[in-house]
Amino acid sequence: IDPVKGRFTISRDNAKNTAYLQMNGLKPEDTA
């Protein structure tokens, strides 16, 4: 979604059965 585009990165590692969300440049409105 636009509010996180360019700041957040989603990724997956199927071998580790794990997904990730890297969140950079966090803002107070990201609180949730």
PDB file of all heavy atoms in Angstrom:
ATOM      1  N   ILE A   1       0.851  -1.178   0.000  1.00  0.00           N
ATOM      2  CA  ILE A   1       0.000   0.000   0.000  1.00  0.00           C
ATOM      3  C   ILE A   1       0.889   1.230   0.000  1.00  0.00           C
ATOM      4  O   ILE A   1       2.036   1.204   0.473  1.00  0.00           O
ATOM      5  CB  ILE A   1      -0.972   0.022   1.192  1.00  0.00           C
ATOM      6  CG1 ILE A   1      -0.223   0.028   2.532  1.00  0.00           C
ATOM      7  CG2 ILE A   1      -1.927  -1.154   1.110  1.00  0.00           C
ATOM      8  CD1 ILE A   1      -1.127   0.280   3.728  1.00  0.00           C
ATOM      9  N   ASP A   2       0.359   2.332  -0.514  1.00  0.00           N
ATOM     10  CA  ASP A   2       1.158   3.536  -0.697  1.00  0.00           C
ATOM     11  C   ASP A   2       1.845   4.042   0.574  1.00  0.00           C
ATOM     12  O   ASP A   2       3.003   4.466   0.500  1.00  0.00           O
ATOM     13  CB  ASP A   2       0.306   4.644  -1.310  1.00  0.00           C
ATOM     14  CG  ASP A   2      -0.011   4.402  -2.769  1.00  0.00           C
ATOM     15  OD1 ASP A   2       0.673   3.570  -3.402  1.00  0.00           O
ATOM     16  OD2 ASP A   2      -0.935   5.051  -3.283  1.00  0.00           O
ATOM     17  N   PRO A   3       1.195   4.030   1.749  1.00  0.00           N
ATOM     18  CA  PRO A   3       1.866   4.588   2.929  1.00  0.00           C
ATOM     19  C   PRO A   3       3.157   3.885   3.336  1.00  0.00           C
ATOM     20  O   PRO A   3       3.978   4.489   4.028  1.00  0.00           O
ATOM     21  CB  PRO A   3       0.806   4.440   4.036  1.00  0.00           C
ATOM     22  CG  PRO A   3      -0.492   4.430   3.309  1.00  0.00           C
ATOM     23  CD  PRO A   3      -0.203   3.698   2.037  1.00  0.00           C
ATOM     24  N   VAL A   4       3.357   2.639   2.922  1.00  0.00           N
ATOM     25  CA  VAL A   4       4.568   1.919   3.301  1.00  0.00           C
ATOM     26  C   VAL A   4       5.505   1.691   2.130  1.00  0.00           C
ATOM     27  O   VAL A   4       6.641   1.230   2.329  1.00  0.00           O
ATOM     28  CB  VAL A   4       4.249   0.570   3.978  1.00  0.00           C
ATOM     29  CG1 VAL A   4       3.239   0.760   5.103  1.00  0.00           C
ATOM     30  CG2 VAL A   4       3.737  -0.444   2.963  1.00  0.00           C
ATOM     31  N   LYS A   5       5.076   2.004   0.941  1.00  0.00           N
ATOM     32  CA  LYS A   5       5.886   1.769  -0.245  1.00  0.00           C
ATOM     33  C   LYS A   5       7.185   2.559  -0.167  1.00  0.00           C
ATOM     34  O   LYS A   5       7.186   3.754   0.134  1.00  0.00           O
ATOM     35  CB  LYS A   5       5.099   2.144  -1.494  1.00  0.00           C
ATOM     36  CG  LYS A   5       5.706   1.656  -2.799  1.00  0.00           C
ATOM     37  CD  LYS A   5       4.734   1.871  -3.964  1.00  0.00           C
ATOM     38  CE  LYS A   5       3.461   1.065  -3.777  1.00  0.00           C
ATOM     39  NZ  LYS A   5       2.525   1.227  -4.925  1.00  0.00           N
ATOM     40  N   GLY A   6       8.290   1.885  -0.424  1.00  0.00           N
ATOM     41  CA  GLY A   6       9.596   2.505  -0.346  1.00  0.00           C
ATOM     42  C   GLY A   6      10.226   2.455   1.026  1.00  0.00           C
ATOM     43  O   GLY A   6      11.428   2.746   1.158  1.00  0.00           O
ATOM     44  N   ARG A   7       9.448   2.106   2.049  1.00  0.00           N
ATOM     45  CA  ARG A   7       9.963   2.005   3.413  1.00  0.00           C
ATOM     46  C   ARG A   7       9.975   0.572   3.934  1.00  0.00           C
ATOM     47  O   ARG A   7      10.864   0.198   4.695  1.00  0.00           O
ATOM     48  CB  ARG A   7       9.146   2.877   4.364  1.00  0.00           C
ATOM     49  CG  ARG A   7       9.168   4.363   4.032  1.00  0.00           C
ATOM     50  CD  ARG A   7       8.497   5.189   5.126  1.00  0.00           C
ATOM     51  NE  ARG A   7       7.074   4.866   5.259  1.00  0.00           N
ATOM     52  CZ  ARG A   7       6.505   4.412   6.373  1.00  0.00           C
ATOM     53  NH1 ARG A   7       7.240   4.223   7.472  1.00  0.00           N
ATOM     54  NH2 ARG A   7       5.206   4.157   6.407  1.00  0.00           N
ATOM     55  N   PHE A   8       8.974  -0.206   3.542  1.00  0.00           N
ATOM     56  CA  PHE A   8       8.846  -1.589   4.002  1.00  0.00           C
ATOM     57  C   PHE A   8       9.203  -2.541   2.873  1.00  0.00           C
ATOM     58  O   PHE A   8       8.940  -2.259   1.696  1.00  0.00           O
ATOM     59  CB  PHE A   8       7.414  -1.889   4.450  1.00  0.00           C
ATOM     60  CG  PHE A   8       6.967  -1.172   5.688  1.00  0.00           C
ATOM     61  CD1 PHE A   8       7.728  -0.189   6.290  1.00  0.00           C
ATOM     62  CD2 PHE A   8       5.744  -1.495   6.263  1.00  0.00           C
ATOM     63  CE1 PHE A   8       7.303   0.474   7.428  1.00  0.00           C
ATOM     64  CE2 PHE A   8       5.303  -0.852   7.404  1.00  0.00           C
ATOM     65  CZ  PHE A   8       6.079   0.132   7.992  1.00  0.00           C
ATOM     66  N   THR A   9       9.766  -3.682   3.232  1.00  0.00           N
ATOM     67  CA  THR A   9      10.102  -4.712   2.261  1.00  0.00           C
ATOM     68  C   THR A   9       9.650  -6.069   2.778  1.00  0.00           C
ATOM     69  O   THR A   9      10.063  -6.493   3.862  1.00  0.00           O
ATOM     70  CB  THR A   9      11.611  -4.762   1.978  1.00  0.00           C
ATOM     71  OG1 THR A   9      12.062  -3.487   1.522  1.00  0.00           O
ATOM     72  CG2 THR A   9      11.906  -5.808   0.910  1.00  0.00           C
ATOM     73  N   ILE A  10       8.805  -6.741   2.013  1.00  0.00           N
ATOM     74  CA  ILE A  10       8.362  -8.082   2.357  1.00  0.00           C
ATOM     75  C   ILE A  10       9.252  -9.093   1.649  1.00  0.00           C
ATOM     76  O   ILE A  10       9.678  -8.871   0.515  1.00  0.00           O
ATOM     77  CB  ILE A  10       6.874  -8.288   1.991  1.00  0.00           C
ATOM     78  CG1 ILE A  10       6.347  -9.608   2.536  1.00  0.00           C
ATOM     79  CG2 ILE A  10       6.655  -8.190   0.485  1.00  0.00           C
ATOM     80  CD1 ILE A  10       4.837  -9.774   2.386  1.00  0.00           C
ATOM     81  N   SER A  11       9.543 -10.190   2.323  1.00  0.00           N
ATOM     82  CA  SER A  11      10.352 -11.236   1.714  1.00  0.00           C
ATOM     83  C   SER A  11       9.959 -12.585   2.294  1.00  0.00           C
ATOM     84  O   SER A  11       9.230 -12.658   3.285  1.00  0.00           O
ATOM     85  CB  SER A  11      11.849 -10.969   1.917  1.00  0.00           C
ATOM     86  OG  SER A  11      12.183 -10.956   3.295  1.00  0.00           O
ATOM     87  N   ARG A  12      10.448 -13.634   1.658  1.00  0.00           N
ATOM     88  CA  ARG A  12      10.159 -14.983   2.139  1.00  0.00           C
ATOM     89  C   ARG A  12      11.366 -15.869   1.935  1.00  0.00           C
ATOM     90  O   ARG A  12      12.141 -15.695   0.988  1.00  0.00           O
ATOM     91  CB  ARG A  12       8.935 -15.572   1.425  1.00  0.00           C
ATOM     92  CG  ARG A  12       9.113 -15.739  -0.079  1.00  0.00           C
ATOM     93  CD  ARG A  12       7.782 -16.048  -0.756  1.00  0.00           C
ATOM     94  NE  ARG A  12       7.251 -17.330  -0.336  1.00  0.00           N
ATOM     95  CZ  ARG A  12       5.964 -17.669  -0.402  1.00  0.00           C
ATOM     96  NH1 ARG A  12       5.066 -16.794  -0.863  1.00  0.00           N
ATOM     97  NH2 ARG A  12       5.568 -18.866  -0.005  1.00  0.00           N
ATOM     98  N   ASP A  13      11.534 -16.829   2.818  1.00  0.00           N
ATOM     99  CA  ASP A  13      12.578 -17.827   2.725  1.00  0.00           C
ATOM    100  C   ASP A  13      11.896 -19.177   2.896  1.00  0.00           C
ATOM    101  O   ASP A  13      11.663 -19.629   4.016  1.00  0.00           O
ATOM    102  CB  ASP A  13      13.652 -17.609   3.779  1.00  0.00           C
ATOM    103  CG  ASP A  13      14.857 -18.512   3.593  1.00  0.00           C
ATOM    104  OD1 ASP A  13      14.727 -19.598   2.995  1.00  0.00           O
ATOM    105  OD2 ASP A  13      15.950 -18.136   4.050  1.00  0.00           O
ATOM    106  N   ASN A  14      11.561 -19.797   1.781  1.00  0.00           N
ATOM    107  CA  ASN A  14      10.816 -21.048   1.839  1.00  0.00           C
ATOM    108  C   ASN A  14      11.603 -22.164   2.523  1.00  0.00           C
ATOM    109  O   ASN A  14      11.026 -23.020   3.193  1.00  0.00           O
ATOM    110  CB  ASN A  14      10.402 -21.484   0.431  1.00  0.00           C
ATOM    111  CG  ASN A  14       9.343 -20.584  -0.165  1.00  0.00           C
ATOM    112  OD1 ASN A  14       8.741 -19.757   0.525  1.00  0.00           O
ATOM    113  ND2 ASN A  14       9.108 -20.738  -1.465  1.00  0.00           N
ATOM    114  N   ALA A  15      12.919 -22.155   2.359  1.00  0.00           N
ATOM    115  CA  ALA A  15      13.750 -23.176   2.990  1.00  0.00           C
ATOM    116  C   ALA A  15      13.676 -23.093   4.509  1.00  0.00           C
ATOM    117  O   ALA A  15      13.779 -24.108   5.196  1.00  0.00           O
ATOM    118  CB  ALA A  15      15.191 -23.060   2.517  1.00  0.00           C
ATOM    119  N   LYS A  16      13.516 -21.888   5.036  1.00  0.00           N
ATOM    120  CA  LYS A  16      13.402 -21.682   6.471  1.00  0.00           C
ATOM    121  C   LYS A  16      11.956 -21.607   6.938  1.00  0.00           C
ATOM    122  O   LYS A  16      11.702 -21.432   8.132  1.00  0.00           O
ATOM    123  CB  LYS A  16      14.132 -20.414   6.889  1.00  0.00           C
ATOM    124  CG  LYS A  16      15.633 -20.457   6.675  1.00  0.00           C
ATOM    125  CD  LYS A  16      16.294 -19.170   7.131  1.00  0.00           C
ATOM    126  CE  LYS A  16      17.794 -19.222   6.943  1.00  0.00           C
ATOM    127  NZ  LYS A  16      18.450 -17.960   7.366  1.00  0.00           N
ATOM    128  N   ASN A  17      11.017 -21.715   6.003  1.00  0.00           N
ATOM    129  CA  ASN A  17       9.591 -21.639   6.314  1.00  0.00           C
ATOM    130  C   ASN A  17       9.248 -20.354   7.067  1.00  0.00           C
ATOM    131  O   ASN A  17       8.444 -20.349   8.007  1.00  0.00           O
ATOM    132  CB  ASN A  17       9.145 -22.855   7.127  1.00  0.00           C
ATOM    133  CG  ASN A  17       8.103 -23.685   6.407  1.00  0.00           C
ATOM    134  OD1 ASN A  17       8.129 -23.825   5.183  1.00  0.00           O
ATOM    135  ND2 ASN A  17       7.174 -24.256   7.167  1.00  0.00           N
ATOM    136  N   THR A  18       9.840 -19.255   6.620  1.00  0.00           N
ATOM    137  CA  THR A  18       9.715 -17.996   7.327  1.00  0.00           C
ATOM    138  C   THR A  18       9.495 -16.845   6.359  1.00  0.00           C
ATOM    139  O   THR A  18      10.096 -16.805   5.279  1.00  0.00           O
ATOM    140  CB  THR A  18      10.963 -17.715   8.173  1.00  0.00           C
ATOM    141  OG1 THR A  18      11.162 -18.798   9.093  1.00  0.00           O
ATOM    142  CG2 THR A  18      10.807 -16.434   8.968  1.00  0.00           C
ATOM    143  N   ALA A  19       8.628 -15.915   6.739  1.00  0.00           N
ATOM    144  CA  ALA A  19       8.429 -14.670   6.021  1.00  0.00           C
ATOM    145  C   ALA A  19       8.919 -13.514   6.873  1.00  0.00           C
ATOM    146  O   ALA A  19       8.987 -13.608   8.104  1.00  0.00           O
ATOM    147  CB  ALA A  19       6.955 -14.480   5.668  1.00  0.00           C
ATOM    148  N   TYR A  20       9.238 -12.403   6.213  1.00  0.00           N
ATOM    149  CA  TYR A  20       9.807 -11.262   6.898  1.00  0.00           C
ATOM    150  C   TYR A  20       9.158  -9.971   6.425  1.00  0.00           C
ATOM    151  O   TYR A  20       8.661  -9.873   5.307  1.00  0.00           O
ATOM    152  CB  TYR A  20      11.309 -11.154   6.643  1.00  0.00           C
ATOM    153  CG  TYR A  20      12.086 -12.391   6.990  1.00  0.00           C
ATOM    154  CD1 TYR A  20      12.362 -13.357   6.019  1.00  0.00           C
ATOM    155  CD2 TYR A  20      12.547 -12.608   8.279  1.00  0.00           C
ATOM    156  CE1 TYR A  20      13.073 -14.495   6.333  1.00  0.00           C
ATOM    157  CE2 TYR A  20      13.259 -13.752   8.600  1.00  0.00           C
ATOM    158  CZ  TYR A  20      13.525 -14.686   7.629  1.00  0.00           C
ATOM    159  OH  TYR A  20      14.229 -15.821   7.937  1.00  0.00           O
ATOM    160  N   LEU A  21       9.200  -8.978   7.291  1.00  0.00           N
ATOM    161  CA  LEU A  21       8.842  -7.623   6.919  1.00  0.00           C
ATOM    162  C   LEU A  21       9.895  -6.689   7.492  1.00  0.00           C
ATOM    163  O   LEU A  21       9.960  -6.487   8.703  1.00  0.00           O
ATOM    164  CB  LEU A  21       7.455  -7.237   7.430  1.00  0.00           C
ATOM    165  CG  LEU A  21       6.968  -5.852   6.993  1.00  0.00           C
ATOM    166  CD1 LEU A  21       6.690  -5.828   5.486  1.00  0.00           C
ATOM    167  CD2 LEU A  21       5.721  -5.436   7.765  1.00  0.00           C
ATOM    168  N   GLN A  22      10.730  -6.142   6.620  1.00  0.00           N
ATOM    169  CA  GLN A  22      11.718  -5.156   7.021  1.00  0.00           C
ATOM    170  C   GLN A  22      11.066  -3.787   6.971  1.00  0.00           C
ATOM    171  O   GLN A  22      10.575  -3.378   5.917  1.00  0.00           O
ATOM    172  CB  GLN A  22      12.934  -5.200   6.102  1.00  0.00           C
ATOM    173  CG  GLN A  22      14.015  -4.182   6.437  1.00  0.00           C
ATOM    174  CD  GLN A  22      14.687  -4.456   7.758  1.00  0.00           C
ATOM    175  OE1 GLN A  22      15.055  -5.592   8.038  1.00  0.00           O
ATOM    176  NE2 GLN A  22      14.841  -3.428   8.580  1.00  0.00           N
ATOM    177  N   MET A  23      11.079  -3.077   8.084  1.00  0.00           N
ATOM    178  CA  MET A  23      10.428  -1.781   8.199  1.00  0.00           C
ATOM    179  C   MET A  23      11.486  -0.737   8.510  1.00  0.00           C
ATOM    180  O   MET A  23      12.113  -0.775   9.570  1.00  0.00           O
ATOM    181  CB  MET A  23       9.359  -1.799   9.278  1.00  0.00           C
ATOM    182  CG  MET A  23       8.305  -2.881   9.071  1.00  0.00           C
ATOM    183  SD  MET A  23       6.929  -2.754  10.241  1.00  0.00           S
ATOM    184  CE  MET A  23       7.800  -3.094  11.778  1.00  0.00           C
ATOM    185  N   ASN A  24      11.684   0.184   7.584  1.00  0.00           N
ATOM    186  CA  ASN A  24      12.640   1.268   7.744  1.00  0.00           C
ATOM    187  C   ASN A  24      11.919   2.605   7.745  1.00  0.00           C
ATOM    188  O   ASN A  24      10.797   2.723   7.254  1.00  0.00           O
ATOM    189  CB  ASN A  24      13.674   1.242   6.613  1.00  0.00           C
ATOM    190  CG  ASN A  24      14.489  -0.024   6.574  1.00  0.00           C
ATOM    191  OD1 ASN A  24      14.806  -0.606   7.609  1.00  0.00           O
ATOM    192  ND2 ASN A  24      14.845  -0.456   5.368  1.00  0.00           N
ATOM    193  N   GLY A  25      12.584   3.616   8.277  1.00  0.00           N
ATOM    194  CA  GLY A  25      11.994   4.944   8.307  1.00  0.00           C
ATOM    195  C   GLY A  25      10.644   4.973   8.991  1.00  0.00           C
ATOM    196  O   GLY A  25       9.705   5.616   8.499  1.00  0.00           O
ATOM    197  N   LEU A  26      10.535   4.303  10.125  1.00  0.00           N
ATOM    198  CA  LEU A  26       9.246   4.174  10.802  1.00  0.00           C
ATOM    199  C   LEU A  26       8.716   5.523  11.269  1.00  0.00           C
ATOM    200  O   LEU A  26       9.478   6.398  11.685  1.00  0.00           O
ATOM    201  CB  LEU A  26       9.367   3.209  11.965  1.00  0.00           C
ATOM    202  CG  LEU A  26       9.405   1.736  11.552  1.00  0.00           C
ATOM    203  CD1 LEU A  26       9.946   0.872  12.675  1.00  0.00           C
ATOM    204  CD2 LEU A  26       8.010   1.277  11.141  1.00  0.00           C
ATOM    205  N   LYS A  27       7.403   5.652  11.196  1.00  0.00           N
ATOM    206  CA  LYS A  27       6.698   6.863  11.578  1.00  0.00           C
ATOM    207  C   LYS A  27       5.702   6.539  12.683  1.00  0.00           C
ATOM    208  O   LYS A  27       5.245   5.404  12.787  1.00  0.00           O
ATOM    209  CB  LYS A  27       5.951   7.442  10.375  1.00  0.00           C
ATOM    210  CG  LYS A  27       6.820   7.717   9.166  1.00  0.00           C
ATOM    211  CD  LYS A  27       5.975   8.169   7.987  1.00  0.00           C
ATOM    212  CE  LYS A  27       6.833   8.438   6.766  1.00  0.00           C
ATOM    213  NZ  LYS A  27       6.007   8.862   5.605  1.00  0.00           N
ATOM    214  N   PRO A  28       5.332   7.527  13.505  1.00  0.00           N
ATOM    215  CA  PRO A  28       4.335   7.265  14.550  1.00  0.00           C
ATOM    216  C   PRO A  28       3.046   6.666  14.013  1.00  0.00           C
ATOM    217  O   PRO A  28       2.423   5.839  14.695  1.00  0.00           O
ATOM    218  CB  PRO A  28       4.101   8.649  15.170  1.00  0.00           C
ATOM    219  CG  PRO A  28       5.404   9.352  14.980  1.00  0.00           C
ATOM    220  CD  PRO A  28       5.908   8.886  13.634  1.00  0.00           C
ATOM    221  N   GLU A  29       2.638   7.041  12.822  1.00  0.00           N
ATOM    222  CA  GLU A  29       1.420   6.496  12.248  1.00  0.00           C
ATOM    223  C   GLU A  29       1.529   5.029  11.849  1.00  0.00           C
ATOM    224  O   GLU A  29       0.531   4.409  11.481  1.00  0.00           O
ATOM    225  CB  GLU A  29       0.959   7.329  11.040  1.00  0.00           C
ATOM    226  CG  GLU A  29       2.042   7.579  10.008  1.00  0.00           C
ATOM    227  CD  GLU A  29       2.719   8.931  10.166  1.00  0.00           C
ATOM    228  OE1 GLU A  29       3.036   9.307  11.314  1.00  0.00           O
ATOM    229  OE2 GLU A  29       2.928   9.621   9.148  1.00  0.00           O
ATOM    230  N   ASP A  30       2.727   4.459  11.927  1.00  0.00           N
ATOM    231  CA  ASP A  30       2.900   3.029  11.708  1.00  0.00           C
ATOM    232  C   ASP A  30       2.568   2.210  12.953  1.00  0.00           C
ATOM    233  O   ASP A  30       2.552   0.976  12.879  1.00  0.00           O
ATOM    234  CB  ASP A  30       4.330   2.719  11.282  1.00  0.00           C
ATOM    235  CG  ASP A  30       4.688   3.305   9.929  1.00  0.00           C
ATOM    236  OD1 ASP A  30       3.845   3.267   9.015  1.00  0.00           O
ATOM    237  OD2 ASP A  30       5.825   3.795   9.791  1.00  0.00           O
ATOM    238  N   THR A  31       2.331   2.863  14.072  1.00  0.00           N
ATOM    239  CA  THR A  31       2.020   2.162  15.314  1.00  0.00           C
ATOM    240  C   THR A  31       0.770   1.319  15.143  1.00  0.00           C
ATOM    241  O   THR A  31      -0.294   1.824  14.769  1.00  0.00           O
ATOM    242  CB  THR A  31       1.843   3.155  16.462  1.00  0.00           C
ATOM    243  OG1 THR A  31       3.086   3.822  16.706  1.00  0.00           O
ATOM    244  CG2 THR A  31       1.406   2.440  17.731  1.00  0.00           C
ATOM    245  N   ALA A  32       0.881   0.032  15.417  1.00  0.00           N
ATOM    246  CA  ALA A  32      -0.229  -0.898  15.223  1.00  0.00           C
ATOM    247  C   ALA A  32       0.200  -2.281  15.685  1.00  0.00           C
ATOM    248  O   ALA A  32       1.378  -2.528  15.964  1.00  0.00           O
ATOM    249  CB  ALA A  32      -0.650  -0.954  13.751  1.00  0.00           C
TER     250      ALA A  32
END
